[in-house]
Full PDB file with SEQRES, HELIX, SHEET, SSBOND, CRYST1, ORIGX, SCALE, CONECT and MASTER records, all heavy atoms in Angstrom:
SEQRES   1 A   38  ASP VAL PHE VAL ALA ASP LEU ALA ALA ALA LEU THR ALA          
SEQRES   2 A   38  LEU ALA THR ASP PRO LYS ARG ALA ALA GLY TRP GLY ALA          
SEQRES   3 A   38  ARG ALA GLY GLY GLY PRO SER SER THR SER ARG GLY              
HELIX    1 AA1 VAL A    2  THR A   16  1                                  15    
HELIX    2 AA2 PRO A   18  ALA A   21  5                                   4    
HELIX    3 AA3 TRP A   24  GLY A   30  1                                   7    
CRYST1    1.000    1.000    1.000  90.00  90.00  90.00 P 1           1          
ORIGX1      1.000000  0.000000  0.000000        0.00000                         
ORIGX2      0.000000  1.000000  0.000000        0.00000                         
ORIGX3      0.000000  0.000000  1.000000        0.00000                         
SCALE1      1.000000  0.000000  0.000000        0.00000                         
SCALE2      0.000000  1.000000  0.000000        0.00000                         
SCALE3      0.000000  0.000000  1.000000        0.00000                         
ATOM      1  N   ASP A   1      -1.075   5.589 -12.133  1.00  0.00           N  
ATOM      2  CA  ASP A   1      -0.830   5.514 -10.687  1.00  0.00           C  
ATOM      3  C   ASP A   1      -1.601   4.366 -10.042  1.00  0.00           C  
ATOM      4  O   ASP A   1      -1.080   3.671  -9.171  1.00  0.00           O  
ATOM      5  CB  ASP A   1      -1.190   6.841 -10.003  1.00  0.00           C  
ATOM      6  CG  ASP A   1      -0.241   7.966 -10.391  1.00  0.00           C  
ATOM      7  OD1 ASP A   1       0.888   7.669 -10.847  1.00  0.00           O  
ATOM      8  OD2 ASP A   1      -0.627   9.139 -10.234  1.00  0.00           O  
ATOM      9  N   VAL A   2      -2.847   4.152 -10.486  1.00  0.00           N  
ATOM     10  CA  VAL A   2      -3.641   3.038  -9.953  1.00  0.00           C  
ATOM     11  C   VAL A   2      -3.013   1.716 -10.376  1.00  0.00           C  
ATOM     12  O   VAL A   2      -2.897   0.784  -9.572  1.00  0.00           O  
ATOM     13  CB  VAL A   2      -5.109   3.134 -10.420  1.00  0.00           C  
ATOM     14  CG1 VAL A   2      -5.884   1.866 -10.073  1.00  0.00           C  
ATOM     15  CG2 VAL A   2      -5.785   4.361  -9.805  1.00  0.00           C  
ATOM     16  N   PHE A   3      -2.587   1.613 -11.642  1.00  0.00           N  
ATOM     17  CA  PHE A   3      -1.960   0.391 -12.128  1.00  0.00           C  
ATOM     18  C   PHE A   3      -0.695   0.066 -11.328  1.00  0.00           C  
ATOM     19  O   PHE A   3      -0.500  -1.063 -10.886  1.00  0.00           O  
ATOM     20  CB  PHE A   3      -1.648   0.509 -13.622  1.00  0.00           C  
ATOM     21  CG  PHE A   3      -0.873  -0.661 -14.168  1.00  0.00           C  
ATOM     22  CD1 PHE A   3      -1.394  -1.943 -14.137  1.00  0.00           C  
ATOM     23  CD2 PHE A   3       0.386  -0.481 -14.712  1.00  0.00           C  
ATOM     24  CE1 PHE A   3      -0.680  -3.020 -14.631  1.00  0.00           C  
ATOM     25  CE2 PHE A   3       1.114  -1.551 -15.220  1.00  0.00           C  
ATOM     26  CZ  PHE A   3       0.572  -2.822 -15.182  1.00  0.00           C  
ATOM     27  N   VAL A   4       0.155   1.054 -11.118  1.00  0.00           N  
ATOM     28  CA  VAL A   4       1.390   0.850 -10.348  1.00  0.00           C  
ATOM     29  C   VAL A   4       1.062   0.451  -8.910  1.00  0.00           C  
ATOM     30  O   VAL A   4       1.693  -0.447  -8.344  1.00  0.00           O  
ATOM     31  CB  VAL A   4       2.285   2.102 -10.409  1.00  0.00           C  
ATOM     32  CG1 VAL A   4       3.439   2.008  -9.421  1.00  0.00           C  
ATOM     33  CG2 VAL A   4       2.818   2.300 -11.823  1.00  0.00           C  
ATOM     34  N   ALA A   5       0.057   1.082  -8.326  1.00  0.00           N  
ATOM     35  CA  ALA A   5      -0.341   0.738  -6.948  1.00  0.00           C  
ATOM     36  C   ALA A   5      -0.873  -0.692  -6.873  1.00  0.00           C  
ATOM     37  O   ALA A   5      -0.561  -1.430  -5.932  1.00  0.00           O  
ATOM     38  CB  ALA A   5      -1.389   1.726  -6.437  1.00  0.00           C  
ATOM     39  N   ASP A   6      -1.661  -1.097  -7.872  1.00  0.00           N  
ATOM     40  CA  ASP A   6      -2.177  -2.470  -7.894  1.00  0.00           C  
ATOM     41  C   ASP A   6      -1.054  -3.483  -8.081  1.00  0.00           C  
ATOM     42  O   ASP A   6      -1.054  -4.554  -7.461  1.00  0.00           O  
ATOM     43  CB  ASP A   6      -3.219  -2.633  -8.999  1.00  0.00           C  
ATOM     44  CG  ASP A   6      -4.529  -1.917  -8.700  1.00  0.00           C  
ATOM     45  OD1 ASP A   6      -4.757  -1.529  -7.531  1.00  0.00           O  
ATOM     46  OD2 ASP A   6      -5.326  -1.746  -9.647  1.00  0.00           O  
ATOM     47  N   LEU A   7      -0.088  -3.149  -8.923  1.00  0.00           N  
ATOM     48  CA  LEU A   7       1.065  -4.025  -9.128  1.00  0.00           C  
ATOM     49  C   LEU A   7       1.862  -4.149  -7.833  1.00  0.00           C  
ATOM     50  O   LEU A   7       2.244  -5.253  -7.425  1.00  0.00           O  
ATOM     51  CB  LEU A   7       1.942  -3.487 -10.257  1.00  0.00           C  
ATOM     52  CG  LEU A   7       3.175  -4.295 -10.636  1.00  0.00           C  
ATOM     53  CD1 LEU A   7       2.791  -5.674 -11.122  1.00  0.00           C  
ATOM     54  CD2 LEU A   7       3.959  -3.559 -11.711  1.00  0.00           C  
ATOM     55  N   ALA A   8       2.098  -3.030  -7.166  1.00  0.00           N  
ATOM     56  CA  ALA A   8       2.822  -3.042  -5.887  1.00  0.00           C  
ATOM     57  C   ALA A   8       2.068  -3.862  -4.848  1.00  0.00           C  
ATOM     58  O   ALA A   8       2.679  -4.607  -4.077  1.00  0.00           O  
ATOM     59  CB  ALA A   8       3.038  -1.613  -5.392  1.00  0.00           C  
ATOM     60  N   ALA A   9       0.753  -3.763  -4.824  1.00  0.00           N  
ATOM     61  CA  ALA A   9      -0.049  -4.528  -3.861  1.00  0.00           C  
ATOM     62  C   ALA A   9       0.086  -6.031  -4.114  1.00  0.00           C  
ATOM     63  O   ALA A   9       0.193  -6.828  -3.166  1.00  0.00           O  
ATOM     64  CB  ALA A   9      -1.518  -4.102  -3.930  1.00  0.00           C  
ATOM     65  N   ALA A  10       0.090  -6.437  -5.383  1.00  0.00           N  
ATOM     66  CA  ALA A  10       0.245  -7.861  -5.706  1.00  0.00           C  
ATOM     67  C   ALA A  10       1.613  -8.373  -5.270  1.00  0.00           C  
ATOM     68  O   ALA A  10       1.738  -9.459  -4.691  1.00  0.00           O  
ATOM     69  CB  ALA A  10       0.039  -8.090  -7.200  1.00  0.00           C  
ATOM     70  N   LEU A  11       2.657  -7.581  -5.525  1.00  0.00           N  
ATOM     71  CA  LEU A  11       4.008  -7.985  -5.116  1.00  0.00           C  
ATOM     72  C   LEU A  11       4.128  -8.014  -3.596  1.00  0.00           C  
ATOM     73  O   LEU A  11       4.767  -8.909  -3.030  1.00  0.00           O  
ATOM     74  CB  LEU A  11       5.047  -7.054  -5.735  1.00  0.00           C  
ATOM     75  CG  LEU A  11       5.174  -7.173  -7.245  1.00  0.00           C  
ATOM     76  CD1 LEU A  11       6.024  -6.049  -7.807  1.00  0.00           C  
ATOM     77  CD2 LEU A  11       5.732  -8.520  -7.638  1.00  0.00           C  
ATOM     78  N   THR A  12       3.512  -7.065  -2.924  1.00  0.00           N  
ATOM     79  CA  THR A  12       3.530  -7.043  -1.462  1.00  0.00           C  
ATOM     80  C   THR A  12       2.808  -8.263  -0.906  1.00  0.00           C  
ATOM     81  O   THR A  12       3.256  -8.861   0.071  1.00  0.00           O  
ATOM     82  CB  THR A  12       2.884  -5.739  -0.936  1.00  0.00           C  
ATOM     83  OG1 THR A  12       3.635  -4.636  -1.442  1.00  0.00           O  
ATOM     84  CG2 THR A  12       2.866  -5.702   0.577  1.00  0.00           C  
ATOM     85  N   ALA A  13       1.707  -8.656  -1.545  1.00  0.00           N  
ATOM     86  CA  ALA A  13       0.967  -9.843  -1.095  1.00  0.00           C  
ATOM     87  C   ALA A  13       1.857 -11.082  -1.140  1.00  0.00           C  
ATOM     88  O   ALA A  13       1.844 -11.901  -0.217  1.00  0.00           O  
ATOM     89  CB  ALA A  13      -0.280 -10.046  -1.954  1.00  0.00           C  
ATOM     90  N   LEU A  14       2.652 -11.215  -2.200  1.00  0.00           N  
ATOM     91  CA  LEU A  14       3.561 -12.361  -2.290  1.00  0.00           C  
ATOM     92  C   LEU A  14       4.704 -12.247  -1.287  1.00  0.00           C  
ATOM     93  O   LEU A  14       5.126 -13.239  -0.702  1.00  0.00           O  
ATOM     94  CB  LEU A  14       4.127 -12.498  -3.697  1.00  0.00           C  
ATOM     95  CG  LEU A  14       3.200 -13.099  -4.728  1.00  0.00           C  
ATOM     96  CD1 LEU A  14       3.898 -13.185  -6.077  1.00  0.00           C  
ATOM     97  CD2 LEU A  14       2.710 -14.462  -4.313  1.00  0.00           C  
ATOM     98  N   ALA A  15       5.209 -11.038  -1.096  1.00  0.00           N  
ATOM     99  CA  ALA A  15       6.335 -10.845  -0.176  1.00  0.00           C  
ATOM    100  C   ALA A  15       5.925 -11.120   1.269  1.00  0.00           C  
ATOM    101  O   ALA A  15       6.716 -11.640   2.050  1.00  0.00           O  
ATOM    102  CB  ALA A  15       6.879  -9.424  -0.304  1.00  0.00           C  
ATOM    103  N   THR A  16       4.691 -10.789   1.612  1.00  0.00           N  
ATOM    104  CA  THR A  16       4.241 -10.985   2.993  1.00  0.00           C  
ATOM    105  C   THR A  16       3.665 -12.373   3.222  1.00  0.00           C  
ATOM    106  O   THR A  16       3.507 -12.780   4.366  1.00  0.00           O  
ATOM    107  CB  THR A  16       3.187  -9.920   3.381  1.00  0.00           C  
ATOM    108  OG1 THR A  16       2.102  -9.981   2.460  1.00  0.00           O  
ATOM    109  CG2 THR A  16       3.804  -8.531   3.364  1.00  0.00           C  
ATOM    110  N   ASP A  17       3.349 -13.099   2.157  1.00  0.00           N  
ATOM    111  CA  ASP A  17       2.807 -14.451   2.287  1.00  0.00           C  
ATOM    112  C   ASP A  17       3.395 -15.338   1.197  1.00  0.00           C  
ATOM    113  O   ASP A  17       2.712 -15.725   0.249  1.00  0.00           O  
ATOM    114  CB  ASP A  17       1.279 -14.420   2.187  1.00  0.00           C  
ATOM    115  CG  ASP A  17       0.642 -15.779   2.422  1.00  0.00           C  
ATOM    116  OD1 ASP A  17       1.343 -16.719   2.867  1.00  0.00           O  
ATOM    117  OD2 ASP A  17      -0.566 -15.912   2.146  1.00  0.00           O  
ATOM    118  N   PRO A  18       4.708 -15.657   1.300  1.00  0.00           N  
ATOM    119  CA  PRO A  18       5.361 -16.422   0.231  1.00  0.00           C  
ATOM    120  C   PRO A  18       4.770 -17.816   0.014  1.00  0.00           C  
ATOM    121  O   PRO A  18       4.873 -18.359  -1.074  1.00  0.00           O  
ATOM    122  CB  PRO A  18       6.824 -16.503   0.682  1.00  0.00           C  
ATOM    123  CG  PRO A  18       6.837 -16.143   2.119  1.00  0.00           C  
ATOM    124  CD  PRO A  18       5.612 -15.323   2.388  1.00  0.00           C  
ATOM    125  N   LYS A  19       4.121 -18.389   1.015  1.00  0.00           N  
ATOM    126  CA  LYS A  19       3.511 -19.708   0.845  1.00  0.00           C  
ATOM    127  C   LYS A  19       2.324 -19.661  -0.118  1.00  0.00           C  
ATOM    128  O   LYS A  19       1.905 -20.683  -0.635  1.00  0.00           O  
ATOM    129  CB  LYS A  19       3.065 -20.263   2.193  1.00  0.00           C  
ATOM    130  CG  LYS A  19       4.222 -20.625   3.083  1.00  0.00           C  
ATOM    131  CD  LYS A  19       3.741 -21.206   4.384  1.00  0.00           C  
ATOM    132  CE  LYS A  19       4.927 -21.517   5.282  1.00  0.00           C  
ATOM    133  NZ  LYS A  19       4.506 -22.040   6.566  1.00  0.00           N  
ATOM    134  N   ARG A  20       1.796 -18.456  -0.337  1.00  0.00           N  
ATOM    135  CA  ARG A  20       0.657 -18.290  -1.230  1.00  0.00           C  
ATOM    136  C   ARG A  20       0.950 -18.842  -2.619  1.00  0.00           C  
ATOM    137  O   ARG A  20       0.081 -19.405  -3.276  1.00  0.00           O  
ATOM    138  CB  ARG A  20       0.293 -16.808  -1.313  1.00  0.00           C  
ATOM    139  CG  ARG A  20      -0.878 -16.516  -2.188  1.00  0.00           C  
ATOM    140  CD  ARG A  20      -1.236 -15.057  -2.123  1.00  0.00           C  
ATOM    141  NE  ARG A  20      -2.465 -14.846  -2.845  1.00  0.00           N  
ATOM    142  CZ  ARG A  20      -3.048 -13.690  -2.985  1.00  0.00           C  
ATOM    143  NH1 ARG A  20      -2.518 -12.627  -2.423  1.00  0.00           N  
ATOM    144  NH2 ARG A  20      -4.149 -13.564  -3.656  1.00  0.00           N  
ATOM    145  N   ALA A  21       2.178 -18.690  -3.083  1.00  0.00           N  
ATOM    146  CA  ALA A  21       2.547 -19.115  -4.431  1.00  0.00           C  
ATOM    147  C   ALA A  21       3.037 -20.551  -4.490  1.00  0.00           C  
ATOM    148  O   ALA A  21       3.329 -21.044  -5.569  1.00  0.00           O  
ATOM    149  CB  ALA A  21       3.619 -18.182  -4.982  1.00  0.00           C  
ATOM    150  N   ALA A  22       3.112 -21.233  -3.361  1.00  0.00           N  
ATOM    151  CA  ALA A  22       3.625 -22.603  -3.347  1.00  0.00           C  
ATOM    152  C   ALA A  22       2.808 -23.489  -4.292  1.00  0.00           C  
ATOM    153  O   ALA A  22       1.596 -23.553  -4.209  1.00  0.00           O  
ATOM    154  CB  ALA A  22       3.594 -23.169  -1.933  1.00  0.00           C  
ATOM    155  N   GLY A  23       3.498 -24.118  -5.207  1.00  0.00           N  
ATOM    156  CA  GLY A  23       2.840 -25.049  -6.107  1.00  0.00           C  
ATOM    157  C   GLY A  23       2.250 -24.429  -7.361  1.00  0.00           C  
ATOM    158  O   GLY A  23       1.718 -25.129  -8.190  1.00  0.00           O  
ATOM    159  N   TRP A  24       2.336 -23.105  -7.510  1.00  0.00           N  
ATOM    160  CA  TRP A  24       1.759 -22.499  -8.705  1.00  0.00           C  
ATOM    161  C   TRP A  24       2.363 -23.080  -9.958  1.00  0.00           C  
ATOM    162  O   TRP A  24       1.659 -23.376 -10.908  1.00  0.00           O  
ATOM    163  CB  TRP A  24       1.944 -20.989  -8.705  1.00  0.00           C  
ATOM    164  CG  TRP A  24       0.961 -20.254  -7.870  1.00  0.00           C  
ATOM    165  CD1 TRP A  24      -0.107 -20.779  -7.192  1.00  0.00           C  
ATOM    166  CD2 TRP A  24       0.947 -18.858  -7.595  1.00  0.00           C  
ATOM    167  NE1 TRP A  24      -0.770 -19.788  -6.520  1.00  0.00           N  
ATOM    168  CE2 TRP A  24      -0.154 -18.602  -6.750  1.00  0.00           C  
ATOM    169  CE3 TRP A  24       1.754 -17.808  -7.976  1.00  0.00           C  
ATOM    170  CZ2 TRP A  24      -0.457 -17.331  -6.296  1.00  0.00           C  
ATOM    171  CZ3 TRP A  24       1.445 -16.539  -7.519  1.00  0.00           C  
ATOM    172  CH2 TRP A  24       0.347 -16.303  -6.695  1.00  0.00           C  
ATOM    173  N   GLY A  25       3.669 -23.245  -9.999  1.00  0.00           N  
ATOM    174  CA  GLY A  25       4.311 -23.798 -11.192  1.00  0.00           C  
ATOM    175  C   GLY A  25       3.834 -25.201 -11.484  1.00  0.00           C  
ATOM    176  O   GLY A  25       3.562 -25.553 -12.617  1.00  0.00           O  
ATOM    177  N   ALA A  26       3.678 -26.004 -10.444  1.00  0.00           N  
ATOM    178  CA  ALA A  26       3.204 -27.372 -10.631  1.00  0.00           C  
ATOM    179  C   ALA A  26       1.767 -27.374 -11.132  1.00  0.00           C  
ATOM    180  O   ALA A  26       1.405 -28.118 -12.029  1.00  0.00           O  
ATOM    181  CB  ALA A  26       3.305 -28.147  -9.318  1.00  0.00           C  
ATOM    182  N   ARG A  27       0.920 -26.509 -10.575  1.00  0.00           N  
ATOM    183  CA  ARG A  27      -0.478 -26.449 -11.012  1.00  0.00           C  
ATOM    184  C   ARG A  27      -0.585 -25.948 -12.438  1.00  0.00           C  
ATOM    185  O   ARG A  27      -1.493 -26.330 -13.162  1.00  0.00           O  
ATOM    186  CB  ARG A  27      -1.295 -25.572 -10.065  1.00  0.00           C  
ATOM    187  CG  ARG A  27      -1.625 -26.273  -8.768  1.00  0.00           C  
ATOM    188  CD  ARG A  27      -2.734 -25.575  -8.038  1.00  0.00           C  
ATOM    189  NE  ARG A  27      -2.373 -24.230  -7.610  1.00  0.00           N  
ATOM    190  CZ  ARG A  27      -1.771 -23.931  -6.474  1.00  0.00           C  
ATOM    191  NH1 ARG A  27      -1.409 -24.893  -5.647  1.00  0.00           N  
ATOM    192  NH2 ARG A  27      -1.506 -22.684  -6.150  1.00  0.00           N  
ATOM    193  N   ALA A  28       0.348 -25.088 -12.847  1.00  0.00           N  
ATOM    194  CA  ALA A  28       0.294 -24.562 -14.211  1.00  0.00           C  
ATOM    195  C   ALA A  28       0.424 -25.685 -15.230  1.00  0.00           C  
ATOM    196  O   ALA A  28      -0.171 -25.632 -16.284  1.00  0.00           O  
ATOM    197  CB  ALA A  28       1.399 -23.527 -14.432  1.00  0.00           C  
ATOM    198  N   GLY A  29       1.183 -26.716 -14.896  1.00  0.00           N  
ATOM    199  CA  GLY A  29       1.356 -27.829 -15.812  1.00  0.00           C  
ATOM    200  C   GLY A  29       0.221 -28.823 -15.758  1.00  0.00           C  
ATOM    201  O   GLY A  29       0.010 -29.582 -16.683  1.00  0.00           O  
ATOM    202  N   GLY A  30      -0.554 -28.806 -14.684  1.00  0.00           N  
ATOM    203  CA  GLY A  30      -1.615 -29.788 -14.540  1.00  0.00           C  
ATOM    204  C   GLY A  30      -2.992 -29.206 -14.698  1.00  0.00           C  
ATOM    205  O   GLY A  30      -3.980 -29.893 -14.557  1.00  0.00           O  
ATOM    206  N   GLY A  31      -3.095 -27.935 -14.984  1.00  0.00           N  
ATOM    207  CA  GLY A  31      -4.394 -27.310 -15.137  1.00  0.00           C  
ATOM    208  C   GLY A  31      -4.567 -26.230 -14.104  1.00  0.00           C  
ATOM    209  O   GLY A  31      -3.672 -25.956 -13.312  1.00  0.00           O  
ATOM    210  N   PRO A  32      -5.715 -25.586 -14.071  1.00  0.00           N  
ATOM    211  CA  PRO A  32      -5.921 -24.460 -13.176  1.00  0.00           C  
ATOM    212  C   PRO A  32      -5.773 -24.773 -11.696  1.00  0.00           C  
ATOM    213  O   PRO A  32      -5.392 -23.920 -10.934  1.00  0.00           O  
ATOM    214  CB  PRO A  32      -7.347 -24.007 -13.495  1.00  0.00           C  
ATOM    215  CG  PRO A  32      -7.626 -24.550 -14.843  1.00  0.00           C  
ATOM    216  CD  PRO A  32      -6.813 -25.789 -14.970  1.00  0.00           C  
ATOM    217  N   SER A  33      -6.075 -25.968 -11.285  1.00  0.00           N  
ATOM    218  CA  SER A  33      -5.870 -26.300  -9.878  1.00  0.00           C  
ATOM    219  C   SER A  33      -5.693 -27.794  -9.732  1.00  0.00           C  
ATOM    220  O   SER A  33      -6.191 -28.563 -10.532  1.00  0.00           O  
ATOM    221  CB  SER A  33      -7.043 -25.829  -9.015  1.00  0.00           C  
ATOM    222  OG  SER A  33      -8.145 -26.667  -9.198  1.00  0.00           O  
ATOM    223  N   SER A  34      -5.007 -28.175  -8.682  1.00  0.00           N  
ATOM    224  CA  SER A  34      -4.742 -29.603  -8.499  1.00  0.00           C  
ATOM    225  C   SER A  34      -6.021 -30.348  -8.145  1.00  0.00           C  
ATOM    226  O   SER A  34      -6.109 -31.542  -8.338  1.00  0.00           O  
ATOM    227  CB  SER A  34      -3.690 -29.805  -7.412  1.00  0.00           C  
ATOM    228  OG  SER A  34      -4.135 -29.259  -6.193  1.00  0.00           O  
ATOM    229  N   THR A  35      -7.034 -29.665  -7.648  1.00  0.00           N  
ATOM    230  CA  THR A  35      -8.271 -30.353  -7.286  1.00  0.00           C  
ATOM    231  C   THR A  35      -9.205 -30.527  -8.465  1.00  0.00           C  
ATOM    232  O   THR A  35      -9.996 -31.442  -8.495  1.00  0.00           O  
ATOM    233  CB  THR A  35      -9.009 -29.589  -6.172  1.00  0.00           C  
ATOM    234  OG1 THR A  35      -9.247 -28.256  -6.630  1.00  0.00           O  
ATOM    235  CG2 THR A  35      -8.213 -29.576  -4.898  1.00  0.00           C  
ATOM    236  N   SER A  36      -9.097 -29.667  -9.480  1.00  0.00           N  
ATOM    237  CA  SER A  36     -10.043 -29.744 -10.589  1.00  0.00           C  
ATOM    238  C   SER A  36      -9.675 -30.817 -11.612  1.00  0.00           C  
ATOM    239  O   SER A  36     -10.538 -31.311 -12.296  1.00  0.00           O  
ATOM    240  CB  SER A  36     -10.153 -28.392 -11.297  1.00  0.00           C  
ATOM    241  OG  SER A  36      -8.936 -28.066 -11.928  1.00  0.00           O  
ATOM    242  N   ARG A  37      -8.393 -31.173 -11.709  1.00  0.00           N  
ATOM    243  CA  ARG A  37      -7.991 -32.143 -12.732  1.00  0.00           C  
ATOM    244  C   ARG A  37      -7.093 -33.238 -12.176  1.00  0.00           C  
ATOM    245  O   ARG A  37      -6.290 -33.790 -12.901  1.00  0.00           O  
ATOM    246  CB  ARG A  37      -7.266 -31.429 -13.859  1.00  0.00           C  
ATOM    247  CG  ARG A  37      -8.139 -30.466 -14.590  1.00  0.00           C  
ATOM    248  CD  ARG A  37      -7.428 -29.929 -15.775  1.00  0.00           C  
ATOM    249  NE  ARG A  37      -8.245 -28.910 -16.407  1.00  0.00           N  
ATOM    250  CZ  ARG A  37      -7.881 -28.231 -17.440  1.00  0.00           C  
ATOM    251  NH1 ARG A  37      -6.718 -28.436 -17.993  1.00  0.00           N  
ATOM    252  NH2 ARG A  37      -8.665 -27.326 -17.957  1.00  0.00           N  
ATOM    253  N   GLY A  38      -7.184 -33.536 -10.924  1.00  0.00           N  
ATOM    254  CA  GLY A  38      -6.308 -34.536 -10.350  1.00  0.00           C  
ATOM    255  C   GLY A  38      -4.989 -33.931  -9.950  1.00  0.00           C  
ATOM    256  O   GLY A  38      -4.735 -32.762 -10.158  1.00  0.00           O  
TER     257      GLY A  38                                                      
MASTER        0    0    0    3    0    0    0    6  256    1    0    3          
END                                                                             
C-alpha cells in the first residue's frame, strides 16, 4: 500500500507539474544534469 501510494504521488507530481520533466530525456544522454557536464 505504501509502495502504490508513493508511485501514485510521483505520477501526480508529474501530472500537476509537467514542466518538471522537461529535458529529462536530453539530460539522460548528456549525463546526470546539463550543468554538471556541459
